[in-house]
Amino acid sequence: MKQKQTSLILFSIICLLSSQSVFSQKISLEIITNSKTEDSLISEHFPNNEFHSLIAINEEITLIKNKLYLEGYFQHKFYNLKKISKKHYSIEFLSRQRTKQITLYIDDKKTLEHLKYLNHKISKNSIEIPPKEISQTLAKLSENEAETGQPLTTFKIINISTSTKTTFAELQVKRKENRDFTNINIKGYTKFPRSFVKHYAKLKTPVLFQKK
């Protein structure tokens, strides 16, 4: 009887280990390239070619695409995803021409003024900017909007077009109404003197909302 119990336990352990092995299997992804430049980009951005699921593969590709855009590869593409076997997929990658400078057109005077303050050279309502600097520049523009009472202003790069030598785009600026502080409430102590807020703390309403 004990021998049968022992055999049953061993069989259960083997089944458990086998099921864990099946669930822990990963999907491998082969990326097909056409040049040494593309090989180098894939080696840099795709150090790992094994994933837990097809969803994880698509998420990683989206992440890499965003990085490549910031490096100036506006025309790159991943395409022709194929299932080779149950645990093996392939996809093709094309980098195309890299843009080192982008001409960004801005039809907004306030934005142009702040770009001058950030030491960008303005030429015909446009600036020349490396793609990798766009994110940081937009963050500074958003911060300036918040400081001047318009924290809900949004910036977006639109209408990207590439010629043989240059990439062009527009900076879309959507600005909403100024925000004001209209009332000040003191919580936790109902008898807090209002005169302190007005005269000592120098908080008067209405006042323009600013980050500081």
N, C-alpha and C. Protein backbone atom coordinates (compact mmCIF):
# COMPACT_ATOMS: atom_id res chain seq x y z
N MET A 1 0.83 -1.21 0.00
CA MET A 1 0.00 0.00 0.00
C MET A 1 0.86 1.26 0.00
N LYS A 2 1.89 1.26 0.85
CA LYS A 2 2.80 2.41 0.92
C LYS A 2 3.52 2.62 -0.40
N GLN A 3 3.86 1.50 -1.07
CA GLN A 3 4.58 1.60 -2.35
C GLN A 3 3.69 2.27 -3.40
N LYS A 4 2.38 1.92 -3.39
CA LYS A 4 1.45 2.54 -4.35
C LYS A 4 1.30 4.04 -4.08
N GLN A 5 1.24 4.41 -2.78
CA GLN A 5 1.11 5.82 -2.43
C GLN A 5 2.34 6.61 -2.88
N THR A 6 3.52 5.98 -2.66
CA THR A 6 4.77 6.63 -3.06
C THR A 6 4.82 6.83 -4.57
N SER A 7 4.40 5.82 -5.32
CA SER A 7 4.39 5.90 -6.79
C SER A 7 3.43 6.97 -7.27
N LEU A 8 2.27 7.06 -6.58
CA LEU A 8 1.28 8.06 -6.95
C LEU A 8 1.80 9.47 -6.71
N ILE A 9 2.50 9.66 -5.59
CA ILE A 9 3.09 10.97 -5.27
C ILE A 9 4.14 11.36 -6.30
N LEU A 10 5.00 10.40 -6.65
CA LEU A 10 6.05 10.67 -7.65
C LEU A 10 5.44 11.02 -9.00
N PHE A 11 4.37 10.28 -9.37
CA PHE A 11 3.69 10.55 -10.64
C PHE A 11 3.10 11.96 -10.64
N SER A 12 2.50 12.37 -9.51
CA SER A 12 1.91 13.70 -9.39
C SER A 12 2.97 14.79 -9.52
N ILE A 13 4.12 14.57 -8.89
CA ILE A 13 5.22 15.54 -8.96
C ILE A 13 5.71 15.69 -10.39
N ILE A 14 5.84 14.55 -11.10
CA ILE A 14 6.31 14.58 -12.49
C ILE A 14 5.32 15.35 -13.37
N CYS A 15 4.01 15.09 -13.14
CA CYS A 15 2.98 15.79 -13.92
C CYS A 15 3.01 17.29 -13.65
N LEU A 16 3.21 17.66 -12.38
CA LEU A 16 3.27 19.07 -12.00
C LEU A 16 4.46 19.76 -12.64
N LEU A 17 5.62 19.11 -12.60
CA LEU A 17 6.82 19.69 -13.21
C LEU A 17 6.67 19.81 -14.72
N SER A 18 6.01 18.83 -15.32
CA SER A 18 5.82 18.86 -16.77
C SER A 18 4.90 20.00 -17.17
N SER A 19 3.81 20.21 -16.38
CA SER A 19 2.87 21.29 -16.69
C SER A 19 3.54 22.65 -16.51
N GLN A 20 4.39 22.77 -15.47
CA GLN A 20 5.10 24.03 -15.26
C GLN A 20 6.05 24.31 -16.41
N SER A 21 6.68 23.23 -16.93
CA SER A 21 7.61 23.38 -18.05
C SER A 21 6.88 23.88 -19.29
N VAL A 22 5.64 23.36 -19.51
CA VAL A 22 4.86 23.77 -20.67
C VAL A 22 4.48 25.24 -20.58
N PHE A 23 4.00 25.64 -19.36
CA PHE A 23 3.55 27.02 -19.19
C PHE A 23 4.71 28.01 -19.19
N SER A 24 5.94 27.55 -18.87
CA SER A 24 7.08 28.45 -18.81
C SER A 24 7.78 28.61 -20.15
N GLN A 25 7.32 27.84 -21.17
CA GLN A 25 7.93 27.95 -22.48
C GLN A 25 7.72 29.35 -23.05
N LYS A 26 8.74 29.84 -23.72
CA LYS A 26 8.68 31.20 -24.27
C LYS A 26 8.56 31.16 -25.79
N ILE A 27 8.12 32.29 -26.33
CA ILE A 27 8.02 32.45 -27.79
C ILE A 27 9.27 33.17 -28.27
N SER A 28 9.92 32.61 -29.26
CA SER A 28 11.10 33.27 -29.83
C SER A 28 10.68 34.08 -31.06
N LEU A 29 11.34 35.22 -31.24
CA LEU A 29 11.03 36.10 -32.37
C LEU A 29 12.29 36.33 -33.19
N GLU A 30 12.24 35.98 -34.46
CA GLU A 30 13.34 36.24 -35.40
C GLU A 30 13.03 37.52 -36.17
N ILE A 31 13.97 38.47 -36.14
CA ILE A 31 13.78 39.74 -36.85
C ILE A 31 14.64 39.74 -38.10
N ILE A 32 14.01 39.81 -39.25
CA ILE A 32 14.71 39.73 -40.54
C ILE A 32 15.07 41.14 -41.00
N THR A 33 16.35 41.38 -41.26
CA THR A 33 16.84 42.70 -41.68
C THR A 33 17.48 42.61 -43.06
N ASN A 34 17.85 43.78 -43.60
CA ASN A 34 18.41 43.82 -44.95
C ASN A 34 19.75 44.54 -45.04
N SER A 35 20.26 45.03 -43.91
CA SER A 35 21.52 45.76 -43.95
C SER A 35 22.21 45.68 -42.59
N LYS A 36 23.48 46.08 -42.57
CA LYS A 36 24.25 46.10 -41.32
C LYS A 36 23.70 47.16 -40.37
N THR A 37 23.23 48.28 -40.92
CA THR A 37 22.63 49.32 -40.08
C THR A 37 21.41 48.79 -39.34
N GLU A 38 20.58 48.05 -40.06
CA GLU A 38 19.38 47.47 -39.44
C GLU A 38 19.76 46.41 -38.41
N ASP A 39 20.79 45.63 -38.72
CA ASP A 39 21.29 44.64 -37.76
C ASP A 39 21.72 45.32 -36.46
N SER A 40 22.42 46.43 -36.61
CA SER A 40 22.92 47.17 -35.45
C SER A 40 21.77 47.73 -34.62
N LEU A 41 20.74 48.28 -35.29
CA LEU A 41 19.59 48.83 -34.59
C LEU A 41 18.84 47.75 -33.82
N ILE A 42 18.68 46.61 -34.44
CA ILE A 42 17.97 45.50 -33.77
C ILE A 42 18.78 44.98 -32.59
N SER A 43 20.09 44.90 -32.75
CA SER A 43 20.94 44.43 -31.64
C SER A 43 20.86 45.39 -30.46
N GLU A 44 20.77 46.69 -30.77
CA GLU A 44 20.72 47.69 -29.71
C GLU A 44 19.36 47.72 -29.01
N HIS A 45 18.29 47.67 -29.80
CA HIS A 45 16.94 47.86 -29.23
C HIS A 45 16.21 46.56 -28.92
N PHE A 46 16.68 45.46 -29.48
CA PHE A 46 16.03 44.17 -29.25
C PHE A 46 17.04 43.18 -28.68
N PRO A 47 17.59 43.46 -27.49
CA PRO A 47 18.59 42.55 -26.92
C PRO A 47 18.01 41.19 -26.57
N ASN A 48 16.71 41.13 -26.34
CA ASN A 48 16.05 39.88 -25.98
C ASN A 48 15.07 39.49 -27.08
N ASN A 49 15.14 38.25 -27.54
CA ASN A 49 14.23 37.81 -28.59
C ASN A 49 13.28 36.70 -28.11
N GLU A 50 13.13 36.57 -26.79
CA GLU A 50 12.20 35.58 -26.24
C GLU A 50 11.15 36.30 -25.39
N PHE A 51 9.89 35.89 -25.57
CA PHE A 51 8.78 36.56 -24.90
C PHE A 51 7.80 35.52 -24.36
N HIS A 52 7.01 35.95 -23.38
CA HIS A 52 6.04 35.04 -22.77
C HIS A 52 4.77 34.88 -23.59
N SER A 53 4.49 35.86 -24.47
CA SER A 53 3.26 35.79 -25.25
C SER A 53 3.38 36.68 -26.48
N LEU A 54 2.42 36.49 -27.39
CA LEU A 54 2.36 37.33 -28.59
C LEU A 54 2.03 38.77 -28.22
N ILE A 55 1.24 38.95 -27.17
CA ILE A 55 0.92 40.30 -26.69
C ILE A 55 2.19 41.02 -26.26
N ALA A 56 3.07 40.30 -25.55
CA ALA A 56 4.34 40.88 -25.09
C ALA A 56 5.21 41.29 -26.28
N ILE A 57 5.16 40.51 -27.36
CA ILE A 57 5.92 40.84 -28.57
C ILE A 57 5.42 42.16 -29.16
N ASN A 58 4.11 42.29 -29.28
CA ASN A 58 3.53 43.51 -29.85
C ASN A 58 3.81 44.74 -28.98
N GLU A 59 3.77 44.56 -27.67
CA GLU A 59 4.08 45.67 -26.75
C GLU A 59 5.53 46.11 -26.90
N GLU A 60 6.43 45.14 -27.04
CA GLU A 60 7.85 45.47 -27.20
C GLU A 60 8.10 46.19 -28.53
N ILE A 61 7.45 45.75 -29.58
CA ILE A 61 7.59 46.39 -30.88
C ILE A 61 7.11 47.84 -30.83
N THR A 62 5.98 48.08 -30.17
CA THR A 62 5.47 49.45 -30.01
C THR A 62 6.46 50.33 -29.27
N LEU A 63 7.06 49.78 -28.22
CA LEU A 63 8.06 50.52 -27.44
C LEU A 63 9.28 50.87 -28.29
N ILE A 64 9.75 49.90 -29.08
CA ILE A 64 10.92 50.12 -29.93
C ILE A 64 10.60 51.13 -31.04
N LYS A 65 9.40 51.07 -31.59
CA LYS A 65 9.01 52.02 -32.64
C LYS A 65 9.07 53.45 -32.11
N ASN A 66 8.59 53.68 -30.90
CA ASN A 66 8.64 55.03 -30.31
C ASN A 66 10.08 55.51 -30.13
N LYS A 67 10.96 54.62 -29.73
CA LYS A 67 12.38 54.97 -29.57
C LYS A 67 13.01 55.32 -30.92
N LEU A 68 12.66 54.56 -31.94
CA LEU A 68 13.23 54.81 -33.27
C LEU A 68 12.74 56.14 -33.85
N TYR A 69 11.49 56.50 -33.57
CA TYR A 69 10.99 57.81 -34.00
C TYR A 69 11.83 58.93 -33.39
N LEU A 70 12.14 58.80 -32.10
CA LEU A 70 12.93 59.82 -31.41
C LEU A 70 14.36 59.88 -31.93
N GLU A 71 14.82 58.83 -32.56
CA GLU A 71 16.17 58.82 -33.14
C GLU A 71 16.17 59.29 -34.59
N GLY A 72 14.98 59.60 -35.11
CA GLY A 72 14.92 60.14 -36.47
C GLY A 72 14.55 59.14 -37.54
N TYR A 73 14.18 57.92 -37.16
CA TYR A 73 13.77 56.91 -38.15
C TYR A 73 12.25 57.00 -38.35
N PHE A 74 11.82 58.06 -39.05
CA PHE A 74 10.40 58.32 -39.21
C PHE A 74 9.73 57.38 -40.21
N GLN A 75 10.52 56.75 -41.08
CA GLN A 75 9.94 55.89 -42.12
C GLN A 75 10.17 54.40 -41.86
N HIS A 76 10.64 54.07 -40.69
CA HIS A 76 10.91 52.66 -40.41
C HIS A 76 9.59 51.88 -40.29
N LYS A 77 9.67 50.58 -40.43
CA LYS A 77 8.47 49.77 -40.20
C LYS A 77 8.83 48.32 -39.87
N PHE A 78 7.99 47.73 -39.03
CA PHE A 78 8.00 46.29 -38.77
C PHE A 78 6.80 45.71 -39.51
N TYR A 79 6.99 44.67 -40.26
CA TYR A 79 5.90 44.14 -41.08
C TYR A 79 6.05 42.64 -41.30
N ASN A 80 4.97 42.06 -41.80
CA ASN A 80 4.94 40.64 -42.17
C ASN A 80 5.27 39.72 -40.99
N LEU A 81 4.54 39.90 -39.90
CA LEU A 81 4.69 39.00 -38.75
C LEU A 81 4.15 37.62 -39.11
N LYS A 82 4.98 36.60 -38.99
CA LYS A 82 4.59 35.24 -39.37
C LYS A 82 4.78 34.26 -38.22
N LYS A 83 3.88 33.29 -38.17
CA LYS A 83 4.01 32.20 -37.21
C LYS A 83 4.72 31.04 -37.90
N ILE A 84 5.96 30.77 -37.50
CA ILE A 84 6.75 29.70 -38.11
C ILE A 84 6.38 28.35 -37.49
N SER A 85 6.25 28.36 -36.19
CA SER A 85 5.82 27.17 -35.45
C SER A 85 5.09 27.63 -34.20
N LYS A 86 4.73 26.70 -33.35
CA LYS A 86 3.95 27.04 -32.15
C LYS A 86 4.69 28.04 -31.27
N LYS A 87 5.99 27.94 -31.20
CA LYS A 87 6.78 28.78 -30.31
C LYS A 87 7.80 29.64 -31.04
N HIS A 88 7.58 29.85 -32.33
CA HIS A 88 8.57 30.61 -33.10
C HIS A 88 7.85 31.50 -34.12
N TYR A 89 8.17 32.81 -34.06
CA TYR A 89 7.61 33.78 -34.99
C TYR A 89 8.75 34.52 -35.70
N SER A 90 8.42 35.15 -36.80
CA SER A 90 9.39 36.01 -37.49
C SER A 90 8.70 37.30 -37.91
N ILE A 91 9.50 38.35 -38.03
CA ILE A 91 8.98 39.64 -38.49
C ILE A 91 10.08 40.35 -39.26
N GLU A 92 9.71 41.14 -40.25
CA GLU A 92 10.69 41.87 -41.05
C GLU A 92 10.79 43.32 -40.58
N PHE A 93 12.01 43.85 -40.68
CA PHE A 93 12.25 45.23 -40.23
C PHE A 93 12.94 46.02 -41.33
N LEU A 94 12.45 47.23 -41.57
CA LEU A 94 13.03 48.13 -42.56
C LEU A 94 13.24 49.49 -41.90
N SER A 95 14.50 49.95 -41.86
CA SER A 95 14.80 51.20 -41.16
C SER A 95 14.59 52.43 -42.04
N ARG A 96 14.93 52.30 -43.30
CA ARG A 96 14.89 53.43 -44.26
C ARG A 96 15.79 54.58 -43.79
N GLN A 97 15.62 55.74 -44.42
CA GLN A 97 16.54 56.85 -44.19
C GLN A 97 16.31 57.49 -42.82
N ARG A 98 17.41 57.85 -42.19
CA ARG A 98 17.34 58.51 -40.89
C ARG A 98 17.36 60.03 -41.05
N THR A 99 16.53 60.71 -40.27
CA THR A 99 16.50 62.17 -40.26
C THR A 99 17.24 62.69 -39.04
N LYS A 100 18.26 63.52 -39.27
CA LYS A 100 19.03 64.07 -38.16
C LYS A 100 18.50 65.43 -37.70
N GLN A 101 17.81 66.14 -38.60
CA GLN A 101 17.20 67.42 -38.26
C GLN A 101 15.79 67.46 -38.83
N ILE A 102 14.86 68.00 -38.07
CA ILE A 102 13.49 68.13 -38.55
C ILE A 102 13.11 69.61 -38.55
N THR A 103 12.48 70.05 -39.63
CA THR A 103 11.97 71.41 -39.71
C THR A 103 10.56 71.42 -39.13
N LEU A 104 10.40 72.15 -38.02
CA LEU A 104 9.14 72.15 -37.30
C LEU A 104 8.47 73.52 -37.43
N TYR A 105 7.32 73.55 -38.09
CA TYR A 105 6.59 74.81 -38.29
C TYR A 105 5.65 75.06 -37.11
N ILE A 106 5.64 76.31 -36.62
CA ILE A 106 4.83 76.69 -35.46
C ILE A 106 4.02 77.94 -35.80
N ASP A 107 2.70 77.82 -35.76
CA ASP A 107 1.83 78.96 -36.03
C ASP A 107 1.22 79.45 -34.72
N ASP A 108 2.07 79.80 -33.77
CA ASP A 108 1.60 80.27 -32.46
C ASP A 108 2.66 81.21 -31.89
N LYS A 109 2.30 82.49 -31.75
CA LYS A 109 3.28 83.51 -31.36
C LYS A 109 3.87 83.26 -29.97
N LYS A 110 3.03 82.88 -29.02
CA LYS A 110 3.52 82.65 -27.66
C LYS A 110 4.55 81.52 -27.63
N THR A 111 4.27 80.46 -28.37
CA THR A 111 5.20 79.33 -28.43
C THR A 111 6.51 79.74 -29.09
N LEU A 112 6.43 80.51 -30.16
CA LEU A 112 7.63 80.98 -30.84
C LEU A 112 8.49 81.84 -29.92
N GLU A 113 7.84 82.70 -29.12
CA GLU A 113 8.58 83.55 -28.19
C GLU A 113 9.31 82.72 -27.14
N HIS A 114 8.64 81.69 -26.64
CA HIS A 114 9.30 80.87 -25.63
C HIS A 114 10.41 80.02 -26.23
N LEU A 115 10.26 79.62 -27.47
CA LEU A 115 11.33 78.88 -28.15
C LEU A 115 12.56 79.75 -28.33
N LYS A 116 12.34 81.05 -28.56
CA LYS A 116 13.47 81.99 -28.60
C LYS A 116 14.17 82.03 -27.25
N TYR A 117 13.37 82.06 -26.19
CA TYR A 117 13.91 82.06 -24.82
C TYR A 117 14.72 80.80 -24.56
N LEU A 118 14.33 79.70 -25.20
CA LEU A 118 15.06 78.43 -25.04
C LEU A 118 16.24 78.32 -26.01
N ASN A 119 16.57 79.46 -26.64
CA ASN A 119 17.72 79.56 -27.54
C ASN A 119 17.57 78.78 -28.85
N HIS A 120 16.32 78.64 -29.30
CA HIS A 120 16.10 78.07 -30.63
C HIS A 120 16.09 79.21 -31.65
N LYS A 121 16.73 79.00 -32.76
CA LYS A 121 16.76 80.00 -33.82
C LYS A 121 15.49 79.88 -34.66
N ILE A 122 14.72 80.99 -34.72
CA ILE A 122 13.46 81.00 -35.46
C ILE A 122 13.71 81.50 -36.88
N SER A 123 13.24 80.75 -37.86
CA SER A 123 13.37 81.15 -39.25
C SER A 123 12.06 80.87 -39.98
N LYS A 124 11.36 81.94 -40.38
CA LYS A 124 10.09 81.82 -41.08
C LYS A 124 9.09 80.97 -40.28
N ASN A 125 8.95 81.31 -39.00
CA ASN A 125 8.02 80.60 -38.11
C ASN A 125 8.31 79.10 -37.99
N SER A 126 9.58 78.76 -38.05
CA SER A 126 9.95 77.36 -37.91
C SER A 126 11.30 77.26 -37.20
N ILE A 127 11.58 76.06 -36.68
CA ILE A 127 12.87 75.80 -36.07
C ILE A 127 13.44 74.50 -36.64
N GLU A 128 14.75 74.39 -36.60
CA GLU A 128 15.42 73.15 -36.94
C GLU A 128 15.78 72.46 -35.64
N ILE A 129 15.36 71.21 -35.47
CA ILE A 129 15.57 70.53 -34.20
C ILE A 129 15.86 69.05 -34.41
N PRO A 130 16.84 68.49 -33.69
CA PRO A 130 17.09 67.06 -33.77
C PRO A 130 15.90 66.30 -33.17
N PRO A 131 15.48 65.21 -33.75
CA PRO A 131 14.33 64.46 -33.23
C PRO A 131 14.44 64.10 -31.76
N LYS A 132 15.65 63.78 -31.30
CA LYS A 132 15.82 63.35 -29.91
C LYS A 132 15.57 64.48 -28.91
N GLU A 133 15.55 65.75 -29.39
CA GLU A 133 15.31 66.89 -28.50
C GLU A 133 13.84 67.31 -28.44
N ILE A 134 13.01 66.71 -29.27
CA ILE A 134 11.61 67.15 -29.35
C ILE A 134 10.87 66.93 -28.04
N SER A 135 11.01 65.76 -27.44
CA SER A 135 10.29 65.46 -26.19
C SER A 135 10.62 66.45 -25.09
N GLN A 136 11.91 66.73 -24.92
CA GLN A 136 12.35 67.65 -23.88
C GLN A 136 11.84 69.07 -24.15
N THR A 137 11.86 69.48 -25.41
CA THR A 137 11.39 70.81 -25.78
C THR A 137 9.89 70.96 -25.52
N LEU A 138 9.11 69.95 -25.87
CA LEU A 138 7.66 70.00 -25.64
C LEU A 138 7.35 70.03 -24.15
N ALA A 139 8.16 69.33 -23.36
CA ALA A 139 7.97 69.34 -21.90
C ALA A 139 8.20 70.74 -21.34
N LYS A 140 9.22 71.44 -21.87
CA LYS A 140 9.51 72.81 -21.41
C LYS A 140 8.40 73.77 -21.84
N LEU A 141 7.85 73.58 -23.03
CA LEU A 141 6.74 74.41 -23.49
C LEU A 141 5.51 74.20 -22.61
N SER A 142 5.24 72.96 -22.25
CA SER A 142 4.09 72.66 -21.38
C SER A 142 4.28 73.27 -20.00
N GLU A 143 5.51 73.22 -19.51
CA GLU A 143 5.80 73.81 -18.20
C GLU A 143 5.58 75.32 -18.23
N ASN A 144 5.98 75.96 -19.32
CA ASN A 144 5.78 77.40 -19.46
C ASN A 144 4.30 77.75 -19.50
N GLU A 145 3.50 76.92 -20.17
CA GLU A 145 2.06 77.16 -20.22
C GLU A 145 1.45 77.07 -18.82
N ALA A 146 1.91 76.09 -18.04
CA ALA A 146 1.40 75.93 -16.68
C ALA A 146 1.77 77.13 -15.81
N GLU A 147 2.96 77.65 -16.01
CA GLU A 147 3.43 78.80 -15.23
C GLU A 147 2.64 80.07 -15.56
N THR A 148 2.11 80.14 -16.76
CA THR A 148 1.41 81.35 -17.20
C THR A 148 -0.11 81.17 -17.19
N GLY A 149 -0.58 80.21 -16.38
CA GLY A 149 -2.01 80.08 -16.14
C GLY A 149 -2.79 79.23 -17.13
N GLN A 150 -2.09 78.47 -17.99
CA GLN A 150 -2.79 77.62 -18.95
C GLN A 150 -2.24 76.20 -18.91
N PRO A 151 -2.48 75.49 -17.80
CA PRO A 151 -1.90 74.15 -17.62
C PRO A 151 -2.51 73.08 -18.51
N LEU A 152 -3.64 73.37 -19.16
CA LEU A 152 -4.30 72.37 -19.99
C LEU A 152 -3.92 72.47 -21.46
N THR A 153 -2.97 73.34 -21.79
CA THR A 153 -2.49 73.47 -23.17
C THR A 153 -1.82 72.17 -23.61
N THR A 154 -2.11 71.74 -24.83
CA THR A 154 -1.50 70.52 -25.36
C THR A 154 -0.69 70.82 -26.63
N PHE A 155 0.37 70.08 -26.82
CA PHE A 155 1.22 70.20 -28.00
C PHE A 155 1.28 68.85 -28.70
N LYS A 156 1.21 68.88 -30.02
CA LYS A 156 1.23 67.63 -30.77
C LYS A 156 1.94 67.83 -32.11
N ILE A 157 2.81 66.89 -32.46
CA ILE A 157 3.49 66.92 -33.76
C ILE A 157 2.57 66.29 -34.79
N ILE A 158 2.23 67.03 -35.85
CA ILE A 158 1.31 66.51 -36.88
C ILE A 158 1.91 66.73 -38.28
N ASN A 159 1.28 66.08 -39.24
CA ASN A 159 1.62 66.25 -40.67
C ASN A 159 3.12 66.06 -40.94
N ILE A 160 3.65 64.94 -40.48
CA ILE A 160 5.06 64.63 -40.73
C ILE A 160 5.22 64.18 -42.18
N SER A 161 6.14 64.80 -42.88
CA SER A 161 6.44 64.41 -44.27
C SER A 161 7.94 64.43 -44.48
N THR A 162 8.41 63.50 -45.28
CA THR A 162 9.86 63.36 -45.49
C THR A 162 10.19 63.41 -46.97
N SER A 163 11.15 64.25 -47.32
CA SER A 163 11.68 64.27 -48.69
C SER A 163 13.01 63.52 -48.69
N THR A 164 13.75 63.66 -49.75
CA THR A 164 15.02 62.94 -49.85
C THR A 164 16.05 63.46 -48.84
N LYS A 165 15.93 64.73 -48.44
CA LYS A 165 16.94 65.31 -47.56
C LYS A 165 16.39 65.79 -46.23
N THR A 166 15.13 66.18 -46.18
CA THR A 166 14.60 66.85 -44.99
C THR A 166 13.27 66.25 -44.56
N THR A 167 13.00 66.35 -43.26
CA THR A 167 11.70 65.98 -42.71
C THR A 167 11.01 67.23 -42.20
N PHE A 168 9.75 67.37 -42.55
CA PHE A 168 8.96 68.53 -42.14
C PHE A 168 7.80 68.07 -41.26
N ALA A 169 7.38 68.95 -40.34
CA ALA A 169 6.22 68.66 -39.50
C ALA A 169 5.67 69.96 -38.96
N GLU A 170 4.49 69.88 -38.39
CA GLU A 170 3.86 71.06 -37.78
C GLU A 170 3.66 70.79 -36.28
N LEU A 171 3.77 71.86 -35.50
CA LEU A 171 3.48 71.77 -34.08
C LEU A 171 2.08 72.33 -33.84
N GLN A 172 1.18 71.44 -33.46
CA GLN A 172 -0.20 71.85 -33.18
C GLN A 172 -0.31 72.27 -31.71
N VAL A 173 -0.83 73.47 -31.49
CA VAL A 173 -0.99 73.99 -30.13
C VAL A 173 -2.48 74.19 -29.86
N LYS A 174 -2.99 73.51 -28.84
CA LYS A 174 -4.39 73.67 -28.44
C LYS A 174 -4.41 74.27 -27.04
N ARG A 175 -4.86 75.50 -26.98
CA ARG A 175 -4.84 76.25 -25.72
C ARG A 175 -6.27 76.51 -25.23
N LYS A 176 -6.53 76.20 -23.97
CA LYS A 176 -7.85 76.43 -23.38
C LYS A 176 -7.82 77.70 -22.54
N GLU A 177 -8.98 78.07 -21.95
CA GLU A 177 -9.09 79.30 -21.18
C GLU A 177 -8.17 79.28 -19.97
N ASN A 178 -7.74 80.49 -19.55
CA ASN A 178 -6.95 80.60 -18.33
C ASN A 178 -7.73 80.07 -17.14
N ARG A 179 -7.00 79.49 -16.20
CA ARG A 179 -7.62 79.03 -14.96
C ARG A 179 -7.31 80.01 -13.84
N ASP A 180 -8.33 80.32 -13.04
CA ASP A 180 -8.15 81.22 -11.89
C ASP A 180 -8.52 80.51 -10.59
N PHE A 181 -7.84 80.91 -9.50
CA PHE A 181 -8.31 80.54 -8.17
C PHE A 181 -9.41 81.52 -7.80
N THR A 182 -10.59 81.03 -7.50
CA THR A 182 -11.71 81.91 -7.17
C THR A 182 -12.10 81.85 -5.70
N ASN A 183 -11.63 80.84 -4.98
CA ASN A 183 -11.99 80.72 -3.58
C ASN A 183 -10.91 79.95 -2.82
N ILE A 184 -10.72 80.29 -1.56
CA ILE A 184 -9.74 79.62 -0.71
C ILE A 184 -10.46 79.08 0.52
N ASN A 185 -10.40 77.77 0.71
CA ASN A 185 -11.04 77.13 1.87
C ASN A 185 -9.99 76.62 2.84
N ILE A 186 -10.14 76.93 4.09
CA ILE A 186 -9.25 76.43 5.14
C ILE A 186 -9.96 75.27 5.83
N LYS A 187 -9.41 74.07 5.74
CA LYS A 187 -10.04 72.89 6.32
C LYS A 187 -9.31 72.47 7.60
N GLY A 188 -10.07 71.98 8.56
CA GLY A 188 -9.49 71.47 9.80
C GLY A 188 -9.66 72.42 10.98
N TYR A 189 -9.88 73.71 10.68
CA TYR A 189 -10.05 74.68 11.78
C TYR A 189 -11.02 75.77 11.29
N THR A 190 -12.26 75.64 11.69
CA THR A 190 -13.32 76.51 11.17
C THR A 190 -13.16 77.97 11.58
N LYS A 191 -12.44 78.23 12.68
CA LYS A 191 -12.31 79.60 13.18
C LYS A 191 -11.03 80.29 12.68
N PHE A 192 -10.41 79.72 11.66
CA PHE A 192 -9.18 80.30 11.12
C PHE A 192 -9.49 81.70 10.59
N PRO A 193 -8.74 82.72 11.02
CA PRO A 193 -9.06 84.11 10.62
C PRO A 193 -8.83 84.37 9.13
N ARG A 194 -9.87 84.86 8.45
CA ARG A 194 -9.76 85.16 7.02
C ARG A 194 -8.78 86.29 6.76
N SER A 195 -8.62 87.19 7.73
CA SER A 195 -7.71 88.33 7.56
C SER A 195 -6.27 87.85 7.42
N PHE A 196 -5.94 86.70 8.05
CA PHE A 196 -4.59 86.16 7.93
C PHE A 196 -4.31 85.76 6.48
N VAL A 197 -5.30 85.12 5.87
CA VAL A 197 -5.15 84.68 4.47
C VAL A 197 -4.95 85.87 3.55
N LYS A 198 -5.73 86.92 3.79
CA LYS A 198 -5.72 88.06 2.88
C LYS A 198 -4.52 88.97 3.09
N HIS A 199 -4.20 89.28 4.35
CA HIS A 199 -3.18 90.30 4.62
C HIS A 199 -1.79 89.72 4.92
N TYR A 200 -1.73 88.62 5.65
CA TYR A 200 -0.42 88.07 6.01
C TYR A 200 0.10 87.11 4.93
N ALA A 201 -0.75 86.17 4.53
CA ALA A 201 -0.34 85.23 3.48
C ALA A 201 -0.43 85.85 2.09
N LYS A 202 -1.15 86.99 1.99
CA LYS A 202 -1.30 87.73 0.73
C LYS A 202 -1.92 86.87 -0.37
N LEU A 203 -2.95 86.12 0.01
CA LEU A 203 -3.69 85.31 -0.95
C LEU A 203 -5.03 85.98 -1.20
N LYS A 204 -5.20 86.53 -2.40
CA LYS A 204 -6.44 87.20 -2.75
C LYS A 204 -7.06 86.51 -3.95
N THR A 205 -8.38 86.52 -3.99
CA THR A 205 -9.08 85.91 -5.12
C THR A 205 -9.89 86.98 -5.85
N PRO A 206 -10.08 86.83 -7.17
CA PRO A 206 -9.50 85.76 -8.00
C PRO A 206 -8.02 86.02 -8.32
N VAL A 207 -7.27 84.96 -8.54
CA VAL A 207 -5.86 85.06 -8.91
C VAL A 207 -5.55 84.03 -9.97
N LEU A 208 -4.70 84.40 -10.92
CA LEU A 208 -4.35 83.50 -12.02
C LEU A 208 -3.67 82.25 -11.49
N PHE A 209 -4.13 81.08 -11.98
CA PHE A 209 -3.49 79.82 -11.58
C PHE A 209 -2.11 79.73 -12.21
N GLN A 210 -1.10 79.51 -11.37
CA GLN A 210 0.26 79.27 -11.82
C GLN A 210 0.85 78.12 -11.01
N LYS A 211 1.76 77.42 -11.63
CA LYS A 211 2.33 76.24 -10.98
C LYS A 211 2.99 76.60 -9.63
N LYS A 212 3.67 77.75 -9.58
CA LYS A 212 4.37 78.13 -8.35
C LYS A 212 3.41 78.46 -7.23
